[in-house]
PDB file of N, CA and C in Angstrom:
ATOM      1  N   UNK A   1      54.050 -44.779  38.342  1.00  0.00           N
ATOM      2  CA  UNK A   1      52.654 -43.985  37.103  1.00  0.00           C
ATOM      3  C   UNK A   1      52.253 -45.146  37.395  1.00  0.00           C
ATOM      4  N   UNK A   2      52.072 -46.653  37.570  1.00  0.00           N
ATOM      5  CA  UNK A   2      51.404 -47.913  37.519  1.00  0.00           C
ATOM      6  C   UNK A   2      50.297 -47.518  39.002  1.00  0.00           C
ATOM      7  N   UNK A   3      50.922 -46.908  39.953  1.00  0.00           N
ATOM      8  CA  UNK A   3      50.219 -46.760  40.967  1.00  0.00           C
ATOM      9  C   UNK A   3      48.820 -45.384  41.067  1.00  0.00           C
ATOM     10  N   UNK A   4      49.518 -44.409  40.060  1.00  0.00           N
ATOM     11  CA  UNK A   4      48.161 -43.357  39.234  1.00  0.00           C
ATOM     12  C   UNK A   4      47.149 -44.040  38.756  1.00  0.00           C
ATOM     13  N   UNK A   5      47.430 -45.055  38.074  1.00  0.00           N
ATOM     14  CA  UNK A   5      46.098 -45.476  37.063  1.00  0.00           C
ATOM     15  C   UNK A   5      45.265 -46.334  38.094  1.00  0.00           C
ATOM     16  N   UNK A   6      45.743 -46.997  38.829  1.00  0.00           N
ATOM     17  CA  UNK A   6      45.529 -47.664  39.933  1.00  0.00           C
ATOM     18  C   UNK A   6      44.650 -46.795  41.058  1.00  0.00           C
ATOM     19  N   UNK A   7      45.210 -45.884  41.036  1.00  0.00           N
ATOM     20  CA  UNK A   7      44.438 -45.747  42.184  1.00  0.00           C
ATOM     21  C   UNK A   7      42.982 -44.463  41.178  1.00  0.00           C
ATOM     22  N   UNK A   8      43.004 -44.746  39.702  1.00  0.00           N
ATOM     23  CA  UNK A   8      41.679 -44.383  39.294  1.00  0.00           C
ATOM     24  C   UNK A   8      41.243 -45.183  39.014  1.00  0.00           C
ATOM     25  N   UNK A   9      41.637 -46.688  39.092  1.00  0.00           N
ATOM     26  CA  UNK A   9      40.541 -47.506  38.947  1.00  0.00           C
ATOM     27  C   UNK A   9      39.821 -47.967  40.031  1.00  0.00           C
ATOM     28  N   UNK A  10      40.340 -47.351  41.740  1.00  0.00           N
ATOM     29  CA  UNK A  10      39.719 -47.078  42.386  1.00  0.00           C
ATOM     30  C   UNK A  10      38.339 -46.758  42.715  1.00  0.00           C
ATOM     31  N   UNK A  11      38.230 -45.725  41.550  1.00  0.00           N
ATOM     32  CA  UNK A  11      37.333 -44.573  41.751  1.00  0.00           C
ATOM     33  C   UNK A  11      36.122 -44.701  41.489  1.00  0.00           C
ATOM     34  N   UNK A  12      36.360 -46.104  39.843  1.00  0.00           N
ATOM     35  CA  UNK A  12      35.052 -46.161  39.391  1.00  0.00           C
ATOM     36  C   UNK A  12      35.154 -47.880  38.666  1.00  0.00           C
ATOM     37  N   UNK A  13      34.039 -48.706  39.330  1.00  0.00           N
ATOM     38  CA  UNK A  13      33.886 -49.613  38.686  1.00  0.00           C
ATOM     39  C   UNK A  13      32.442 -50.177  38.926  1.00  0.00           C
ATOM     40  N   UNK A  14      31.984 -51.500  38.315  1.00  0.00           N
ATOM     41  CA  UNK A  14      31.149 -51.993  38.316  1.00  0.00           C
ATOM     42  C   UNK A  14      30.983 -53.508  38.598  1.00  0.00           C
ATOM     43  N   UNK A  15      29.972 -54.212  39.613  1.00  0.00           N
ATOM     44  CA  UNK A  15      30.296 -55.478  39.636  1.00  0.00           C
ATOM     45  C   UNK A  15      29.057 -56.121  39.042  1.00  0.00           C
ATOM     46  N   UNK A  16      29.432 -56.867  38.360  1.00  0.00           N
ATOM     47  CA  UNK A  16      28.882 -57.237  37.091  1.00  0.00           C
ATOM     48  C   UNK A  16      27.613 -58.468  37.560  1.00  0.00           C
ATOM     49  N   UNK A  17      28.366 -59.364  37.981  1.00  0.00           N
ATOM     50  CA  UNK A  17      27.785 -60.422  38.772  1.00  0.00           C
ATOM     51  C   UNK A  17      28.719 -60.904  39.678  1.00  0.00           C
ATOM     52  N   UNK A  18      27.980 -61.295  41.176  1.00  0.00           N
ATOM     53  CA  UNK A  18      28.469 -61.955  42.168  1.00  0.00           C
ATOM     54  C   UNK A  18      27.493 -63.161  42.490  1.00  0.00           C
ATOM     55  N   UNK A  19      28.747 -63.643  43.832  1.00  0.00           N
ATOM     56  CA  UNK A  19      27.996 -65.033  44.819  1.00  0.00           C
ATOM     57  C   UNK A  19      29.314 -65.784  44.850  1.00  0.00           C
ATOM     58  N   UNK A  20      28.907 -66.646  45.917  1.00  0.00           N
ATOM     59  CA  UNK A  20      30.098 -67.551  46.370  1.00  0.00           C
ATOM     60  C   UNK A  20      30.480 -68.863  45.417  1.00  0.00           C
ATOM     61  N   UNK A  21      30.045 -68.653  44.011  1.00  0.00           N
ATOM     62  CA  UNK A  21      30.307 -69.958  43.494  1.00  0.00           C
ATOM     63  C   UNK A  21      30.647 -68.599  42.066  1.00  0.00           C
ATOM     64  N   UNK A  22      31.846 -69.511  41.550  1.00  0.00           N
ATOM     65  CA  UNK A  22      32.908 -68.479  40.246  1.00  0.00           C
ATOM     66  C   UNK A  22      31.685 -68.189  39.339  1.00  0.00           C
ATOM     67  N   UNK A  23      31.439 -66.571  38.983  1.00  0.00           N
ATOM     68  CA  UNK A  23      30.160 -66.482  37.537  1.00  0.00           C
ATOM     69  C   UNK A  23      31.371 -66.729  36.022  1.00  0.00           C
ATOM     70  N   UNK A  24      30.495 -67.031  35.310  1.00  0.00           N
ATOM     71  CA  UNK A  24      31.876 -66.887  33.999  1.00  0.00           C
ATOM     72  C   UNK A  24      32.177 -65.700  34.044  1.00  0.00           C
ATOM     73  N   UNK A  25      33.225 -65.273  33.505  1.00  0.00           N
ATOM     74  CA  UNK A  25      34.391 -66.029  32.891  1.00  0.00           C
ATOM     75  C   UNK A  25      35.462 -66.912  34.376  1.00  0.00           C
ATOM     76  N   UNK A  26      35.286 -66.311  35.314  1.00  0.00           N
ATOM     77  CA  UNK A  26      35.898 -66.716  36.400  1.00  0.00           C
ATOM     78  C   UNK A  26      35.839 -68.443  36.987  1.00  0.00           C
ATOM     79  N   UNK A  27      37.215 -68.730  37.149  1.00  0.00           N
ATOM     80  CA  UNK A  27      37.673 -69.526  37.475  1.00  0.00           C
ATOM     81  C   UNK A  27      37.767 -70.336  39.047  1.00  0.00           C
ATOM     82  N   UNK A  28      37.643 -71.560  39.509  1.00  0.00           N
ATOM     83  CA  UNK A  28      37.449 -71.345  41.073  1.00  0.00           C
ATOM     84  C   UNK A  28      38.684 -71.291  41.565  1.00  0.00           C
ATOM     85  N   UNK A  29      38.903 -70.566  42.827  1.00  0.00           N
ATOM     86  CA  UNK A  29      40.327 -70.139  43.167  1.00  0.00           C
ATOM     87  C   UNK A  29      39.915 -71.286  44.896  1.00  0.00           C
ATOM     88  N   UNK A  30      41.064 -71.338  45.197  1.00  0.00           N
ATOM     89  CA  UNK A  30      41.138 -72.155  46.394  1.00  0.00           C
ATOM     90  C   UNK A  30      41.981 -71.448  47.814  1.00  0.00           C
ATOM     91  N   UNK A  31      41.790 -71.533  48.779  1.00  0.00           N
ATOM     92  CA  UNK A  31      42.523 -70.922  50.054  1.00  0.00           C
ATOM     93  C   UNK A  31      44.009 -70.340  49.580  1.00  0.00           C
ATOM     94  N   UNK A  32      44.633 -71.240  48.966  1.00  0.00           N
ATOM     95  CA  UNK A  32      46.516 -71.202  48.977  1.00  0.00           C
ATOM     96  C   UNK A  32      46.519 -70.518  47.812  1.00  0.00           C
ATOM     97  N   UNK A  33      45.623 -69.427  47.070  1.00  0.00           N
ATOM     98  CA  UNK A  33      45.503 -68.562  46.075  1.00  0.00           C
ATOM     99  C   UNK A  33      45.700 -67.035  46.757  1.00  0.00           C
ATOM    100  N   UNK A  34      45.385 -67.023  48.055  1.00  0.00           N
ATOM    101  CA  UNK A  34      45.436 -66.206  48.884  1.00  0.00           C
ATOM    102  C   UNK A  34      46.339 -65.974  49.990  1.00  0.00           C
ATOM    103  N   UNK A  35      47.613 -66.797  49.208  1.00  0.00           N
ATOM    104  CA  UNK A  35      49.129 -66.617  50.634  1.00  0.00           C
ATOM    105  C   UNK A  35      49.649 -65.793  50.135  1.00  0.00           C
ATOM    106  N   UNK A  36      49.691 -65.150  48.896  1.00  0.00           N
ATOM    107  CA  UNK A  36      50.730 -64.285  48.221  1.00  0.00           C
ATOM    108  C   UNK A  36      50.374 -62.615  49.679  1.00  0.00           C
ATOM    109  N   UNK A  37      51.452 -62.714  49.968  1.00  0.00           N
ATOM    110  CA  UNK A  37      51.395 -61.176  50.832  1.00  0.00           C
ATOM    111  C   UNK A  37      51.294 -60.214  50.663  1.00  0.00           C
ATOM    112  N   UNK A  38      52.078 -60.102  48.772  1.00  0.00           N
ATOM    113  CA  UNK A  38      52.078 -58.847  48.109  1.00  0.00           C
ATOM    114  C   UNK A  38      51.166 -58.939  47.009  1.00  0.00           C
ATOM    115  N   UNK A  39      50.323 -58.211  47.294  1.00  0.00           N
ATOM    116  CA  UNK A  39      49.243 -58.715  46.372  1.00  0.00           C
ATOM    117  C   UNK A  39      49.504 -57.570  44.802  1.00  0.00           C
ATOM    118  N   UNK A  40      49.042 -58.005  44.117  1.00  0.00           N
ATOM    119  CA  UNK A  40      49.113 -57.080  42.883  1.00  0.00           C
ATOM    120  C   UNK A  40      48.382 -56.156  42.680  1.00  0.00           C
ATOM    121  N   UNK A  41      48.053 -55.073  42.257  1.00  0.00           N
ATOM    122  CA  UNK A  41      47.482 -54.075  42.103  1.00  0.00           C
ATOM    123  C   UNK A  41      46.279 -54.517  42.003  1.00  0.00           C
ATOM    124  N   UNK A  42      45.288 -55.516  41.332  1.00  0.00           N
ATOM    125  CA  UNK A  42      44.218 -56.018  40.772  1.00  0.00           C
ATOM    126  C   UNK A  42      43.123 -56.246  41.917  1.00  0.00           C
ATOM    127  N   UNK A  43      44.285 -57.272  42.863  1.00  0.00           N
ATOM    128  CA  UNK A  43      44.019 -57.611  44.410  1.00  0.00           C
ATOM    129  C   UNK A  43      43.098 -56.336  45.402  1.00  0.00           C
ATOM    130  N   UNK A  44      43.939 -55.159  45.511  1.00  0.00           N
ATOM    131  CA  UNK A  44      43.960 -53.818  45.833  1.00  0.00           C
ATOM    132  C   UNK A  44      42.606 -53.166  45.101  1.00  0.00           C
ATOM    133  N   UNK A  45      42.140 -53.643  43.853  1.00  0.00           N
ATOM    134  CA  UNK A  45      41.120 -52.824  43.391  1.00  0.00           C
ATOM    135  C   UNK A  45      40.113 -53.089  43.406  1.00  0.00           C
ATOM    136  N   UNK A  46      40.121 -55.028  43.505  1.00  0.00           N
ATOM    137  CA  UNK A  46      38.855 -55.707  44.088  1.00  0.00           C
ATOM    138  C   UNK A  46      38.528 -54.988  45.615  1.00  0.00           C
ATOM    139  N   UNK A  47      39.674 -54.977  46.286  1.00  0.00           N
ATOM    140  CA  UNK A  47      39.143 -54.756  47.746  1.00  0.00           C
ATOM    141  C   UNK A  47      38.431 -53.574  47.796  1.00  0.00           C
ATOM    142  N   UNK A  48      38.916 -52.201  47.141  1.00  0.00           N
ATOM    143  CA  UNK A  48      38.589 -50.937  47.150  1.00  0.00           C
ATOM    144  C   UNK A  48      36.943 -51.326  46.313  1.00  0.00           C
ATOM    145  N   UNK A  49      36.713 -52.191  45.475  1.00  0.00           N
ATOM    146  CA  UNK A  49      35.449 -52.118  45.246  1.00  0.00           C
ATOM    147  C   UNK A  49      34.261 -52.664  45.807  1.00  0.00           C
ATOM    148  N   UNK A  50      35.024 -53.592  46.593  1.00  0.00           N
ATOM    149  CA  UNK A  50      34.041 -54.305  47.262  1.00  0.00           C
ATOM    150  C   UNK A  50      33.527 -54.176  49.246  1.00  0.00           C
ATOM    151  N   UNK A  51      34.748 -53.040  49.353  1.00  0.00           N
ATOM    152  CA  UNK A  51      34.780 -52.845  50.687  1.00  0.00           C
ATOM    153  C   UNK A  51      33.547 -52.363  51.562  1.00  0.00           C
ATOM    154  N   UNK A  52      32.518 -52.113  51.138  1.00  0.00           N
ATOM    155  CA  UNK A  52      31.804 -51.713  51.531  1.00  0.00           C
ATOM    156  C   UNK A  52      30.208 -52.877  51.788  1.00  0.00           C
ATOM    157  N   UNK A  53      30.339 -53.180  50.648  1.00  0.00           N
ATOM    158  CA  UNK A  53      29.386 -54.595  50.778  1.00  0.00           C
ATOM    159  C   UNK A  53      29.739 -55.896  51.111  1.00  0.00           C
ATOM    160  N   UNK A  54      31.329 -56.037  51.454  1.00  0.00           N
ATOM    161  CA  UNK A  54      32.080 -57.267  51.598  1.00  0.00           C
ATOM    162  C   UNK A  54      33.405 -56.595  52.320  1.00  0.00           C
ATOM    163  N   UNK A  55      33.217 -55.990  53.461  1.00  0.00           N
ATOM    164  CA  UNK A  55      34.466 -55.843  54.194  1.00  0.00           C
ATOM    165  C   UNK A  55      35.189 -56.922  54.692  1.00  0.00           C
ATOM    166  N   UNK A  56      36.364 -56.745  55.381  1.00  0.00           N
ATOM    167  CA  UNK A  56      36.902 -57.982  55.974  1.00  0.00           C
ATOM    168  C   UNK A  56      37.366 -58.664  55.311  1.00  0.00           C
ATOM    169  N   UNK A  57      37.857 -58.958  54.186  1.00  0.00           N
ATOM    170  CA  UNK A  57      38.374 -59.951  53.581  1.00  0.00           C
ATOM    171  C   UNK A  57      39.437 -59.109  52.387  1.00  0.00           C
ATOM    172  N   UNK A  58      40.134 -60.719  52.351  1.00  0.00           N
ATOM    173  CA  UNK A  58      41.286 -60.680  51.592  1.00  0.00           C
ATOM    174  C   UNK A  58      41.020 -61.249  49.945  1.00  0.00           C
ATOM    175  N   UNK A  59      41.375 -59.911  49.064  1.00  0.00           N
ATOM    176  CA  UNK A  59      40.766 -60.022  47.684  1.00  0.00           C
ATOM    177  C   UNK A  59      42.054 -60.447  46.724  1.00  0.00           C
ATOM    178  N   UNK A  60      41.642 -61.099  45.572  1.00  0.00           N
ATOM    179  CA  UNK A  60      42.725 -60.931  44.792  1.00  0.00           C
ATOM    180  C   UNK A  60      42.016 -60.740  43.664  1.00  0.00           C
ATOM    181  N   UNK A  61      42.656 -60.040  42.317  1.00  0.00           N
ATOM    182  CA  UNK A  61      41.898 -60.076  41.224  1.00  0.00           C
ATOM    183  C   UNK A  61      42.291 -60.902  39.821  1.00  0.00           C
ATOM    184  N   UNK A  62      41.789 -61.608  39.096  1.00  0.00           N
ATOM    185  CA  UNK A  62      42.595 -62.318  38.265  1.00  0.00           C
ATOM    186  C   UNK A  62      41.898 -62.442  36.817  1.00  0.00           C
ATOM    187  N   UNK A  63      42.370 -62.747  35.669  1.00  0.00           N
ATOM    188  CA  UNK A  63      41.606 -63.563  34.878  1.00  0.00           C
ATOM    189  C   UNK A  63      41.381 -61.651  33.676  1.00  0.00           C
ATOM    190  N   UNK A  64      41.373 -60.593  34.189  1.00  0.00           N
ATOM    191  CA  UNK A  64      41.006 -59.729  32.709  1.00  0.00           C
ATOM    192  C   UNK A  64      40.747 -60.106  31.884  1.00  0.00           C
ATOM    193  N   UNK A  65      39.703 -59.427  31.496  1.00  0.00           N
ATOM    194  CA  UNK A  65      39.553 -60.014  29.888  1.00  0.00           C
ATOM    195  C   UNK A  65      39.050 -58.769  29.059  1.00  0.00           C
ATOM    196  N   UNK A  66      39.923 -58.503  27.952  1.00  0.00           N
ATOM    197  CA  UNK A  66      39.624 -57.468  27.143  1.00  0.00           C
ATOM    198  C   UNK A  66      38.686 -57.228  25.897  1.00  0.00           C
ATOM    199  N   UNK A  67      38.397 -56.847  25.304  1.00  0.00           N
ATOM    200  CA  UNK A  67      38.437 -55.355  25.024  1.00  0.00           C
ATOM    201  C   UNK A  67      37.443 -54.793  26.266  1.00  0.00           C
ATOM    202  N   UNK A  68      36.622 -55.655  27.151  1.00  0.00           N
ATOM    203  CA  UNK A  68      35.794 -54.579  28.029  1.00  0.00           C
ATOM    204  C   UNK A  68      36.127 -54.455  29.456  1.00  0.00           C
ATOM    205  N   UNK A  69      37.263 -55.087  29.487  1.00  0.00           N
ATOM    206  CA  UNK A  69      37.945 -54.603  31.049  1.00  0.00           C
ATOM    207  C   UNK A  69      37.355 -55.175  31.578  1.00  0.00           C
ATOM    208  N   UNK A  70      36.731 -56.649  31.758  1.00  0.00           N
ATOM    209  CA  UNK A  70      36.303 -57.069  33.115  1.00  0.00           C
ATOM    210  C   UNK A  70      37.221 -58.125  33.653  1.00  0.00           C
ATOM    211  N   UNK A  71      36.804 -57.625  34.978  1.00  0.00           N
ATOM    212  CA  UNK A  71      38.116 -58.611  36.283  1.00  0.00           C
ATOM    213  C   UNK A  71      37.550 -59.719  37.371  1.00  0.00           C
ATOM    214  N   UNK A  72      37.911 -60.995  37.173  1.00  0.00           N
ATOM    215  CA  UNK A  72      37.620 -61.429  38.280  1.00  0.00           C
ATOM    216  C   UNK A  72      38.173 -61.152  39.427  1.00  0.00           C
ATOM    217  N   UNK A  73      37.393 -61.481  40.529  1.00  0.00           N
ATOM    218  CA  UNK A  73      37.717 -60.419  42.088  1.00  0.00           C
ATOM    219  C   UNK A  73      37.176 -61.951  43.033  1.00  0.00           C
ATOM    220  N   UNK A  74      38.059 -62.259  43.770  1.00  0.00           N
ATOM    221  CA  UNK A  74      37.476 -63.204  44.687  1.00  0.00           C
ATOM    222  C   UNK A  74      37.947 -62.700  45.926  1.00  0.00           C
ATOM    223  N   UNK A  75      36.814 -62.877  47.337  1.00  0.00           N
ATOM    224  CA  UNK A  75      37.783 -62.606  48.139  1.00  0.00           C
ATOM    225  C   UNK A  75      37.105 -63.279  49.959  1.00  0.00           C
ATOM    226  N   UNK A  76      38.453 -63.612  49.862  1.00  0.00           N
ATOM    227  CA  UNK A  76      38.245 -64.848  51.139  1.00  0.00           C
ATOM    228  C   UNK A  76      38.018 -63.867  52.798  1.00  0.00           C
ATOM    229  N   UNK A  77      36.981 -64.667  53.225  1.00  0.00           N
ATOM    230  CA  UNK A  77      36.874 -63.769  54.871  1.00  0.00           C
ATOM    231  C   UNK A  77      37.717 -64.758  55.769  1.00  0.00           C
ATOM    232  N   UNK A  78      37.581 -64.478  56.913  1.00  0.00           N
ATOM    233  CA  UNK A  78      38.561 -64.823  58.364  1.00  0.00           C
ATOM    234  C   UNK A  78      37.608 -66.751  58.114  1.00  0.00           C
ATOM    235  N   UNK A  79      36.978 -66.593  57.880  1.00  0.00           N
ATOM    236  CA  UNK A  79      36.779 -68.234  58.281  1.00  0.00           C
ATOM    237  C   UNK A  79      36.553 -69.372  56.946  1.00  0.00           C
ATOM    238  N   UNK A  80      37.321 -68.563  55.621  1.00  0.00           N
ATOM    239  CA  UNK A  80      37.051 -69.374  54.695  1.00  0.00           C
ATOM    240  C   UNK A  80      36.538 -69.292  53.633  1.00  0.00           C
ATOM    241  N   UNK A  81      35.582 -68.762  53.537  1.00  0.00           N
ATOM    242  CA  UNK A  81      34.516 -68.453  52.516  1.00  0.00           C
ATOM    243  C   UNK A  81      34.970 -68.048  51.659  1.00  0.00           C
ATOM    244  N   UNK A  82      34.810 -68.137  50.283  1.00  0.00           N
ATOM    245  CA  UNK A  82      35.179 -67.183  49.231  1.00  0.00           C
ATOM    246  C   UNK A  82      34.034 -66.692  48.511  1.00  0.00           C
ATOM    247  N   UNK A  83      33.874 -65.234  48.385  1.00  0.00           N
ATOM    248  CA  UNK A  83      32.906 -64.954  47.167  1.00  0.00           C
ATOM    249  C   UNK A  83      33.447 -64.286  46.006  1.00  0.00           C
ATOM    250  N   UNK A  84      32.523 -64.294  45.075  1.00  0.00           N
ATOM    251  CA  UNK A  84      33.349 -64.097  43.689  1.00  0.00           C
ATOM    252  C   UNK A  84      32.491 -63.325  42.940  1.00  0.00           C
ATOM    253  N   UNK A  85      33.055 -62.324  41.907  1.00  0.00           N
ATOM    254  CA  UNK A  85      31.964 -61.018  41.467  1.00  0.00           C
ATOM    255  C   UNK A  85      33.326 -60.877  40.199  1.00  0.00           C
ATOM    256  N   UNK A  86      32.298 -60.402  39.088  1.00  0.00           N
ATOM    257  CA  UNK A  86      32.852 -60.061  38.014  1.00  0.00           C
ATOM    258  C   UNK A  86      32.842 -58.183  38.405  1.00  0.00           C
ATOM    259  N   UNK A  87      34.150 -57.391  37.845  1.00  0.00           N
ATOM    260  CA  UNK A  87      33.993 -55.864  38.285  1.00  0.00           C
ATOM    261  C   UNK A  87      34.184 -55.619  36.978  1.00  0.00           C
ATOM    262  N   UNK A  88      33.984 -54.369  36.725  1.00  0.00           N
ATOM    263  CA  UNK A  88      34.602 -53.497  35.066  1.00  0.00           C
ATOM    264  C   UNK A  88      34.976 -52.485  35.458  1.00  0.00           C
ATOM    265  N   UNK A  89      36.606 -52.624  35.319  1.00  0.00           N
ATOM    266  CA  UNK A  89      37.471 -51.167  35.175  1.00  0.00           C
ATOM    267  C   UNK A  89      36.678 -50.001  34.864  1.00  0.00           C
ATOM    268  N   UNK A  90      36.792 -49.067  35.115  1.00  0.00           N
ATOM    269  CA  UNK A  90      36.214 -47.897  34.325  1.00  0.00           C
ATOM    270  C   UNK A  90      36.879 -47.617  33.177  1.00  0.00           C
ATOM    271  N   UNK A  91      36.445 -46.346  32.102  1.00  0.00           N
ATOM    272  CA  UNK A  91      36.726 -46.498  30.711  1.00  0.00           C
ATOM    273  C   UNK A  91      38.189 -46.029  30.905  1.00  0.00           C
ATOM    274  N   UNK A  92      38.478 -44.877  31.679  1.00  0.00           N
ATOM    275  CA  UNK A  92      39.572 -44.421  31.534  1.00  0.00           C
ATOM    276  C   UNK A  92      40.801 -45.248  32.249  1.00  0.00           C
ATOM    277  N   UNK A  93      40.902 -46.069  33.292  1.00  0.00           N
ATOM    278  CA  UNK A  93      41.331 -46.736  34.349  1.00  0.00           C
ATOM    279  C   UNK A  93      41.919 -47.999  32.561  1.00  0.00           C
ATOM    280  N   UNK A  94      40.783 -48.512  32.586  1.00  0.00           N
ATOM    281  CA  UNK A  94      40.988 -49.704  31.021  1.00  0.00           C
ATOM    282  C   UNK A  94      41.769 -48.893  29.441  1.00  0.00           C
ATOM    283  N   UNK A  95      41.945 -47.795  29.606  1.00  0.00           N
ATOM    284  CA  UNK A  95      42.113 -46.984  28.231  1.00  0.00           C
ATOM    285  C   UNK A  95      44.176 -46.952  28.861  1.00  0.00           C
ATOM    286  N   UNK A  96      43.700 -46.751  30.265  1.00  0.00           N
ATOM    287  CA  UNK A  96      45.714 -46.812  30.491  1.00  0.00           C
ATOM    288  C   UNK A  96      46.400 -47.885  30.714  1.00  0.00           C
ATOM    289  N   UNK A  97      45.454 -48.888  30.779  1.00  0.00           N
ATOM    290  CA  UNK A  97      46.052 -50.387  30.974  1.00  0.00           C
ATOM    291  C   UNK A  97      46.322 -50.724  29.900  1.00  0.00           C
ATOM    292  N   UNK A  98      45.756 -50.559  28.766  1.00  0.00           N
ATOM    293  CA  UNK A  98      46.279 -51.028  27.200  1.00  0.00           C
ATOM    294  C   UNK A  98      47.084 -50.448  26.486  1.00  0.00           C
ATOM    295  N   UNK A  99      47.470 -49.229  27.473  1.00  0.00           N
ATOM    296  CA  UNK A  99      48.359 -48.389  27.096  1.00  0.00           C
ATOM    297  C   UNK A  99      50.042 -48.904  27.547  1.00  0.00           C
ATOM    298  N   UNK A 100      49.891 -49.638  28.762  1.00  0.00           N
ATOM    299  CA  UNK A 100      51.097 -50.228  29.330  1.00  0.00           C
ATOM    300  C   UNK A 100      51.104 -51.227  29.021  1.00  0.00           C
ATOM    301  N   UNK A 101      50.677 -52.129  28.136  1.00  0.00           N
ATOM    302  CA  UNK A 101      50.670 -53.106  27.617  1.00  0.00           C
ATOM    303  C   UNK A 101      50.479 -53.537  26.242  1.00  0.00           C
TER     304      UNK A 101
END
């Protein structure tokens, strides 16, 4: 069931702020943050949202903020550079997430 709402989240998101430094309200992450090989759904969401503009990165999603459902995304490339952005989950995905928690 969680997989279905995650798939829906992939379909609609907006990148609000982006760059090499963490935007508010994101915190800085390090290379060790990406070592978890079984990434939670938010990492997959961030990967899908950023796949066209920032491909070939390993993504993690963190610091989900409600009620607006903004999510911090960090993507590390092969050279270790980390790119940040804040994305917004779609209204439908956000509603599904709120029902689960």
